[in-house]
N, C-alpha and C. Protein backbone atom coordinates (compact mmCIF):
# COMPACT_ATOMS: atom_id res chain seq x y z
N MET A 1 84.55 77.45 103.73
CA MET A 1 85.35 77.88 102.61
C MET A 1 86.12 79.15 102.95
N ILE A 2 85.48 80.08 103.65
CA ILE A 2 86.15 81.31 104.03
C ILE A 2 87.31 81.01 104.98
N LEU A 3 87.11 80.08 105.91
CA LEU A 3 88.18 79.71 106.84
C LEU A 3 89.36 79.11 106.10
N VAL A 4 89.09 78.26 105.11
CA VAL A 4 90.17 77.65 104.31
C VAL A 4 90.94 78.73 103.58
N LYS A 5 90.25 79.69 102.96
CA LYS A 5 90.93 80.78 102.25
C LYS A 5 91.78 81.62 103.20
N ALA A 6 91.25 81.89 104.38
CA ALA A 6 92.00 82.66 105.38
C ALA A 6 93.25 81.91 105.82
N LEU A 7 93.12 80.61 106.04
CA LEU A 7 94.27 79.80 106.44
C LEU A 7 95.31 79.76 105.32
N MET A 8 94.87 79.61 104.07
CA MET A 8 95.80 79.58 102.94
C MET A 8 96.50 80.93 102.77
N ALA A 9 95.75 82.02 102.96
CA ALA A 9 96.36 83.35 102.86
C ALA A 9 97.44 83.51 103.91
N GLY A 10 97.17 83.03 105.14
CA GLY A 10 98.17 83.09 106.19
C GLY A 10 99.38 82.25 105.86
N ARG A 11 99.16 81.08 105.27
CA ARG A 11 100.28 80.20 104.88
C ARG A 11 101.10 80.85 103.77
N ASP A 12 100.42 81.45 102.78
CA ASP A 12 101.13 82.12 101.70
C ASP A 12 102.00 83.25 102.23
N HIS A 13 101.47 84.01 103.20
CA HIS A 13 102.23 85.10 103.79
C HIS A 13 103.46 84.55 104.53
N ALA A 14 103.27 83.48 105.29
CA ALA A 14 104.39 82.86 106.02
C ALA A 14 105.43 82.33 105.03
N THR A 15 104.97 81.69 103.96
CA THR A 15 105.89 81.18 102.94
C THR A 15 106.67 82.31 102.30
N SER A 16 105.99 83.39 101.98
CA SER A 16 106.65 84.55 101.39
C SER A 16 107.70 85.12 102.35
N ASP A 17 107.38 85.19 103.63
CA ASP A 17 108.35 85.66 104.63
C ASP A 17 109.55 84.73 104.72
N GLU A 18 109.32 83.41 104.66
CA GLU A 18 110.42 82.44 104.70
C GLU A 18 111.34 82.62 103.50
N LEU A 19 110.75 82.87 102.34
CA LEU A 19 111.56 83.07 101.13
C LEU A 19 112.34 84.37 101.21
N ARG A 20 111.72 85.42 101.68
CA ARG A 20 112.44 86.68 101.84
C ARG A 20 113.62 86.50 102.79
N ASP A 21 113.40 85.72 103.86
CA ASP A 21 114.47 85.44 104.82
C ASP A 21 115.60 84.65 104.15
N ALA A 22 115.26 83.62 103.38
CA ALA A 22 116.27 82.82 102.69
C ALA A 22 117.05 83.70 101.70
N ASN A 23 116.35 84.58 101.00
CA ASN A 23 117.00 85.49 100.05
C ASN A 23 117.93 86.45 100.79
N GLU A 24 117.49 86.97 101.92
CA GLU A 24 118.34 87.86 102.73
C GLU A 24 119.57 87.12 103.24
N ARG A 25 119.41 85.85 103.64
CA ARG A 25 120.56 85.07 104.10
C ARG A 25 121.57 84.87 102.96
N PHE A 26 121.07 84.70 101.74
CA PHE A 26 121.94 84.58 100.58
C PHE A 26 122.80 85.84 100.44
N TYR A 27 122.15 87.01 100.51
CA TYR A 27 122.91 88.25 100.34
C TYR A 27 123.82 88.54 101.54
N ARG A 28 123.44 88.11 102.73
CA ARG A 28 124.33 88.25 103.90
C ARG A 28 125.57 87.37 103.71
N ALA A 29 125.38 86.13 103.24
CA ALA A 29 126.52 85.23 103.00
C ALA A 29 127.44 85.84 101.95
N LEU A 30 126.86 86.41 100.90
CA LEU A 30 127.65 87.05 99.85
C LEU A 30 128.41 88.25 100.41
N GLU A 31 127.71 89.09 101.15
CA GLU A 31 128.29 90.31 101.69
C GLU A 31 129.39 90.04 102.72
N THR A 32 129.22 89.01 103.51
CA THR A 32 130.23 88.69 104.54
C THR A 32 131.28 87.71 104.04
N LEU A 33 131.19 87.34 102.77
CA LEU A 33 132.16 86.45 102.14
C LEU A 33 132.26 85.14 102.92
N ASP A 34 131.10 84.60 103.29
CA ASP A 34 131.00 83.43 104.17
C ASP A 34 130.65 82.18 103.35
N LEU A 35 131.67 81.42 102.99
CA LEU A 35 131.46 80.24 102.16
C LEU A 35 130.62 79.18 102.87
N ALA A 36 130.82 78.98 104.16
CA ALA A 36 130.04 77.98 104.90
C ALA A 36 128.55 78.35 104.88
N ALA A 37 128.24 79.62 105.07
CA ALA A 37 126.84 80.06 105.02
C ALA A 37 126.28 79.87 103.62
N MET A 38 127.08 80.16 102.59
CA MET A 38 126.63 79.98 101.20
C MET A 38 126.35 78.50 100.94
N GLU A 39 127.20 77.62 101.44
CA GLU A 39 127.01 76.18 101.26
C GLU A 39 125.69 75.70 101.86
N ARG A 40 125.31 76.27 103.00
CA ARG A 40 124.06 75.87 103.65
C ARG A 40 122.82 76.32 102.87
N LEU A 41 122.97 77.32 102.03
CA LEU A 41 121.84 77.88 101.30
C LEU A 41 121.50 77.15 100.00
N TRP A 42 122.44 76.43 99.45
CA TRP A 42 122.28 75.82 98.13
C TRP A 42 121.93 74.34 98.22
N LEU A 43 121.17 73.88 97.23
CA LEU A 43 121.05 72.44 97.00
C LEU A 43 122.40 71.96 96.48
N HIS A 44 122.82 70.80 96.89
CA HIS A 44 124.11 70.25 96.44
C HIS A 44 123.81 69.18 95.39
N GLU A 45 123.35 69.63 94.23
CA GLU A 45 122.93 68.74 93.15
C GLU A 45 123.77 69.00 91.90
N PRO A 46 123.92 67.99 91.04
CA PRO A 46 124.73 68.16 89.84
C PRO A 46 124.06 69.01 88.76
N TRP A 47 122.79 69.37 88.94
CA TRP A 47 122.06 70.11 87.91
C TRP A 47 121.76 71.56 88.27
N ILE A 48 122.14 72.03 89.48
CA ILE A 48 121.87 73.42 89.84
C ILE A 48 122.66 74.35 88.93
N ARG A 49 122.25 75.62 88.87
CA ARG A 49 122.87 76.56 87.94
C ARG A 49 123.12 77.90 88.61
N CYS A 50 124.19 78.56 88.16
CA CYS A 50 124.53 79.89 88.65
C CYS A 50 125.16 80.67 87.50
N ILE A 51 124.70 81.90 87.33
CA ILE A 51 125.27 82.77 86.31
C ILE A 51 125.61 84.11 86.97
N HIS A 52 126.90 84.37 87.12
CA HIS A 52 127.36 85.65 87.67
C HIS A 52 127.36 86.68 86.54
N PRO A 53 127.25 87.97 86.87
CA PRO A 53 127.22 89.00 85.82
C PRO A 53 128.40 88.89 84.86
N GLY A 54 128.09 88.87 83.57
CA GLY A 54 129.12 88.82 82.54
C GLY A 54 129.85 87.50 82.41
N ARG A 55 129.35 86.47 83.06
CA ARG A 55 130.03 85.17 83.05
C ARG A 55 129.15 84.12 82.39
N ASP A 56 129.76 82.98 82.08
CA ASP A 56 129.05 81.86 81.50
C ASP A 56 128.34 81.08 82.61
N VAL A 57 127.43 80.23 82.22
CA VAL A 57 126.67 79.43 83.18
C VAL A 57 127.57 78.40 83.86
N LEU A 58 127.35 78.23 85.16
CA LEU A 58 127.99 77.17 85.94
C LEU A 58 126.92 76.14 86.24
N VAL A 59 127.24 74.87 86.03
CA VAL A 59 126.27 73.80 86.28
C VAL A 59 126.87 72.83 87.27
N GLY A 60 126.10 72.51 88.32
CA GLY A 60 126.52 71.55 89.33
C GLY A 60 127.08 72.23 90.56
N TRP A 61 126.81 71.61 91.71
CA TRP A 61 127.22 72.20 92.98
C TRP A 61 128.71 72.43 93.06
N GLU A 62 129.54 71.51 92.61
CA GLU A 62 130.99 71.68 92.73
C GLU A 62 131.46 72.93 91.98
N SER A 63 130.96 73.16 90.77
CA SER A 63 131.34 74.35 90.01
C SER A 63 130.83 75.63 90.66
N VAL A 64 129.60 75.59 91.14
CA VAL A 64 129.00 76.75 91.79
C VAL A 64 129.77 77.08 93.07
N ARG A 65 130.04 76.07 93.88
CA ARG A 65 130.78 76.29 95.13
C ARG A 65 132.16 76.86 94.85
N ASP A 66 132.86 76.32 93.84
CA ASP A 66 134.19 76.81 93.52
C ASP A 66 134.15 78.26 93.06
N SER A 67 133.09 78.67 92.36
CA SER A 67 132.98 80.07 91.93
C SER A 67 132.84 80.99 93.13
N TRP A 68 132.01 80.59 94.11
CA TRP A 68 131.87 81.42 95.32
C TRP A 68 133.18 81.46 96.09
N ARG A 69 133.89 80.34 96.17
CA ARG A 69 135.17 80.32 96.86
C ARG A 69 136.14 81.32 96.23
N ARG A 70 136.21 81.31 94.90
CA ARG A 70 137.12 82.24 94.19
C ARG A 70 136.69 83.69 94.39
N ILE A 71 135.40 83.96 94.30
CA ILE A 71 134.90 85.33 94.51
C ILE A 71 135.25 85.80 95.91
N PHE A 72 134.99 84.96 96.91
CA PHE A 72 135.26 85.35 98.29
C PHE A 72 136.75 85.54 98.54
N GLN A 73 137.56 84.70 97.93
CA GLN A 73 139.01 84.77 98.10
C GLN A 73 139.58 86.04 97.48
N ASP A 74 139.00 86.52 96.38
CA ASP A 74 139.54 87.66 95.65
C ASP A 74 138.86 88.98 95.97
N THR A 75 137.93 89.00 96.92
CA THR A 75 137.17 90.21 97.22
C THR A 75 137.51 90.71 98.62
N PRO A 76 138.15 91.89 98.73
CA PRO A 76 138.48 92.42 100.06
C PRO A 76 137.25 92.78 100.88
N TRP A 77 136.29 93.48 100.27
CA TRP A 77 135.03 93.78 100.96
C TRP A 77 133.94 94.04 99.93
N LEU A 78 132.73 93.81 100.38
CA LEU A 78 131.58 93.85 99.47
C LEU A 78 130.35 94.25 100.26
N ARG A 79 129.54 95.07 99.66
CA ARG A 79 128.25 95.44 100.24
C ARG A 79 127.19 95.19 99.17
N VAL A 80 126.16 94.42 99.51
CA VAL A 80 125.09 94.12 98.55
C VAL A 80 123.75 94.36 99.24
N THR A 81 122.95 95.21 98.64
CA THR A 81 121.62 95.49 99.18
C THR A 81 120.61 95.10 98.11
N ALA A 82 119.72 94.17 98.45
CA ALA A 82 118.67 93.76 97.53
C ALA A 82 117.48 94.70 97.68
N THR A 83 117.03 95.25 96.56
CA THR A 83 115.86 96.12 96.55
C THR A 83 114.88 95.62 95.49
N GLN A 84 113.70 96.17 95.47
CA GLN A 84 112.66 95.78 94.51
C GLN A 84 112.43 94.27 94.56
N VAL A 85 112.42 93.71 95.77
CA VAL A 85 112.29 92.27 95.95
C VAL A 85 110.85 91.84 95.68
N GLN A 86 110.70 90.87 94.80
CA GLN A 86 109.39 90.30 94.48
C GLN A 86 109.47 88.79 94.63
N VAL A 87 108.48 88.22 95.31
CA VAL A 87 108.45 86.79 95.59
C VAL A 87 107.23 86.17 94.93
N GLN A 88 107.43 85.05 94.25
CA GLN A 88 106.33 84.30 93.65
C GLN A 88 106.53 82.82 93.98
N VAL A 89 105.52 82.20 94.57
CA VAL A 89 105.60 80.80 94.99
C VAL A 89 104.78 79.94 94.04
N PHE A 90 105.37 78.82 93.63
CA PHE A 90 104.72 77.84 92.77
C PHE A 90 104.83 76.48 93.46
N GLY A 91 104.06 76.27 94.50
CA GLY A 91 104.15 75.02 95.25
C GLY A 91 105.45 74.93 96.02
N ASP A 92 106.30 73.96 95.65
CA ASP A 92 107.58 73.76 96.33
C ASP A 92 108.75 74.44 95.63
N VAL A 93 108.44 75.27 94.64
CA VAL A 93 109.45 76.05 93.94
C VAL A 93 109.04 77.51 94.00
N ALA A 94 110.00 78.39 94.13
CA ALA A 94 109.69 79.81 94.23
C ALA A 94 110.73 80.64 93.51
N LEU A 95 110.29 81.78 93.03
CA LEU A 95 111.14 82.73 92.33
C LEU A 95 111.22 84.00 93.17
N VAL A 96 112.44 84.48 93.36
CA VAL A 96 112.65 85.78 93.99
C VAL A 96 113.42 86.63 93.00
N GLY A 97 112.81 87.72 92.58
CA GLY A 97 113.47 88.66 91.68
C GLY A 97 113.83 89.91 92.47
N CYS A 98 114.98 90.49 92.16
CA CYS A 98 115.38 91.71 92.88
C CYS A 98 116.47 92.44 92.11
N ALA A 99 116.71 93.66 92.56
CA ALA A 99 117.87 94.42 92.08
C ALA A 99 118.95 94.28 93.14
N GLU A 100 120.17 94.01 92.70
CA GLU A 100 121.32 93.93 93.60
C GLU A 100 122.09 95.25 93.48
N ASN A 101 122.17 95.98 94.56
CA ASN A 101 122.93 97.24 94.61
C ASN A 101 124.26 96.90 95.26
N ILE A 102 125.33 96.94 94.47
CA ILE A 102 126.62 96.38 94.85
C ILE A 102 127.67 97.48 95.00
N THR A 103 128.38 97.48 96.11
CA THR A 103 129.52 98.35 96.33
C THR A 103 130.69 97.45 96.70
N THR A 104 131.81 97.63 96.01
CA THR A 104 133.00 96.83 96.29
C THR A 104 134.20 97.75 96.48
N GLY A 105 135.19 97.23 97.14
CA GLY A 105 136.41 98.00 97.34
C GLY A 105 137.63 97.15 97.11
N SER A 106 138.65 97.77 96.51
CA SER A 106 139.91 97.08 96.28
C SER A 106 141.01 98.11 96.08
N ASN A 107 142.09 97.99 96.84
CA ASN A 107 143.25 98.87 96.71
C ASN A 107 142.87 100.35 96.77
N GLY A 108 141.95 100.70 97.65
CA GLY A 108 141.55 102.09 97.82
C GLY A 108 140.51 102.58 96.84
N ASP A 109 140.16 101.77 95.86
CA ASP A 109 139.12 102.16 94.90
C ASP A 109 137.77 101.60 95.34
N VAL A 110 136.72 102.33 95.02
CA VAL A 110 135.36 101.89 95.31
C VAL A 110 134.62 101.75 94.00
N GLY A 111 133.94 100.62 93.83
CA GLY A 111 133.14 100.39 92.64
C GLY A 111 131.68 100.25 93.01
N VAL A 112 130.80 100.78 92.18
CA VAL A 112 129.36 100.69 92.39
C VAL A 112 128.75 100.08 91.16
N ALA A 113 127.84 99.12 91.37
CA ALA A 113 127.17 98.48 90.25
C ALA A 113 125.76 98.08 90.66
N VAL A 114 124.93 97.85 89.67
CA VAL A 114 123.58 97.34 89.90
C VAL A 114 123.41 96.13 88.99
N ALA A 115 122.82 95.08 89.54
CA ALA A 115 122.50 93.89 88.75
C ALA A 115 121.04 93.53 89.01
N GLN A 116 120.41 92.97 88.01
CA GLN A 116 119.08 92.39 88.18
C GLN A 116 119.28 90.90 88.41
N ALA A 117 118.63 90.36 89.44
CA ALA A 117 118.86 88.97 89.81
C ALA A 117 117.56 88.19 89.87
N THR A 118 117.69 86.93 89.52
CA THR A 118 116.61 85.95 89.69
C THR A 118 117.18 84.81 90.51
N ASN A 119 116.55 84.54 91.64
CA ASN A 119 116.95 83.45 92.52
C ASN A 119 115.80 82.46 92.59
N LEU A 120 116.07 81.22 92.22
CA LEU A 120 115.06 80.17 92.29
C LEU A 120 115.36 79.28 93.49
N PHE A 121 114.33 79.01 94.26
CA PHE A 121 114.44 78.21 95.47
C PHE A 121 113.54 76.99 95.38
N GLN A 122 113.94 75.93 96.07
CA GLN A 122 113.12 74.72 96.21
C GLN A 122 112.90 74.47 97.70
N ARG A 123 111.64 74.16 98.06
CA ARG A 123 111.34 73.84 99.46
C ARG A 123 111.87 72.44 99.74
N THR A 124 112.64 72.30 100.82
CA THR A 124 113.17 71.01 101.24
C THR A 124 112.82 70.80 102.72
N ALA A 125 113.17 69.65 103.24
CA ALA A 125 112.94 69.38 104.67
C ALA A 125 113.74 70.35 105.54
N GLU A 126 114.84 70.89 105.01
CA GLU A 126 115.68 71.83 105.76
C GLU A 126 115.31 73.28 105.49
N GLY A 127 114.26 73.51 104.73
CA GLY A 127 113.85 74.88 104.38
C GLY A 127 114.11 75.15 102.91
N TRP A 128 114.00 76.42 102.53
CA TRP A 128 114.18 76.82 101.13
C TRP A 128 115.66 76.82 100.77
N LYS A 129 115.99 76.17 99.64
CA LYS A 129 117.37 76.07 99.16
C LYS A 129 117.45 76.63 97.74
N LEU A 130 118.54 77.31 97.45
CA LEU A 130 118.77 77.84 96.11
C LEU A 130 119.05 76.70 95.14
N LEU A 131 118.46 76.80 93.96
CA LEU A 131 118.78 75.87 92.89
C LEU A 131 119.27 76.62 91.66
N HIS A 132 119.08 77.95 91.66
CA HIS A 132 119.50 78.75 90.51
C HIS A 132 119.65 80.21 90.94
N HIS A 133 120.77 80.81 90.56
CA HIS A 133 120.99 82.25 90.75
C HIS A 133 121.49 82.80 89.44
N HIS A 134 120.84 83.86 88.96
CA HIS A 134 121.27 84.50 87.73
C HIS A 134 121.26 86.01 87.97
N ALA A 135 122.41 86.63 87.84
CA ALA A 135 122.52 88.08 87.98
C ALA A 135 123.13 88.66 86.72
N SER A 136 122.50 89.70 86.20
CA SER A 136 122.98 90.39 85.00
C SER A 136 123.15 91.86 85.30
N SER A 137 124.24 92.44 84.80
CA SER A 137 124.49 93.86 85.00
C SER A 137 123.33 94.68 84.48
N ALA A 138 123.03 95.75 85.20
CA ALA A 138 121.96 96.66 84.82
C ALA A 138 122.53 98.08 84.80
N PRO A 139 121.91 98.96 84.04
CA PRO A 139 122.42 100.34 84.03
C PRO A 139 122.23 101.01 85.38
N VAL A 140 123.18 101.86 85.72
CA VAL A 140 123.08 102.65 86.94
C VAL A 140 122.50 104.01 86.55
N HIS A 141 121.43 104.41 87.21
CA HIS A 141 120.80 105.70 86.93
C HIS A 141 121.22 106.69 88.02
N VAL A 142 121.99 107.70 87.63
CA VAL A 142 122.47 108.70 88.57
C VAL A 142 121.42 109.81 88.63
N THR A 143 121.00 110.13 89.85
CA THR A 143 119.95 111.13 90.01
C THR A 143 120.46 112.49 90.43
N GLN A 144 121.75 112.58 90.79
CA GLN A 144 122.34 113.85 91.16
C GLN A 144 123.84 113.79 90.89
N PRO A 145 124.46 114.94 90.69
CA PRO A 145 125.92 114.95 90.41
C PRO A 145 126.70 114.37 91.59
N PHE A 146 127.79 113.70 91.29
CA PHE A 146 128.66 113.12 92.31
C PHE A 146 129.42 114.22 93.02
N SER A 147 129.38 114.21 94.35
CA SER A 147 130.04 115.25 95.16
C SER A 147 131.47 114.87 95.53
N GLY A 148 131.86 113.63 95.25
CA GLY A 148 133.18 113.16 95.64
C GLY A 148 133.19 112.47 96.98
N ILE A 149 132.03 112.39 97.64
CA ILE A 149 131.92 111.76 98.93
C ILE A 149 130.98 110.56 98.83
N VAL A 150 131.47 109.41 99.28
CA VAL A 150 130.63 108.20 99.30
C VAL A 150 130.02 108.09 100.68
N GLN A 151 128.71 108.00 100.73
CA GLN A 151 128.02 107.94 102.02
C GLN A 151 127.59 106.55 102.34
């Protein structure tokens, strides 16, 4: 029994690492504006869902893909760092919750935002695939006065 528990604990840790990796690949695809990489991360099903901050729900792979295409086409550069990452596995489905720390640039302006995100993944023969992404704007907490320099 102890051996079985030890083996399961090792499997859970490996599964958690795989999910963290899949989640990191999602944010790398977003940050590099890489539509092909984003396509590899998602299930291509008519029932998947995506909710971008301040937007309505998108249902189905074609709608979700088109939203990423438009975002990538209209975004000159983007930096996204996921923090407070929490992983929970429920068999072949898993939830990854995190804070998205977002910096964007356009026409010489820099924007900073924080969103809370929930990413749902399904285990497939090709690895973990996104079936749902929901990001909602969150308040930004400033801990010191702005010096005028972005680091």
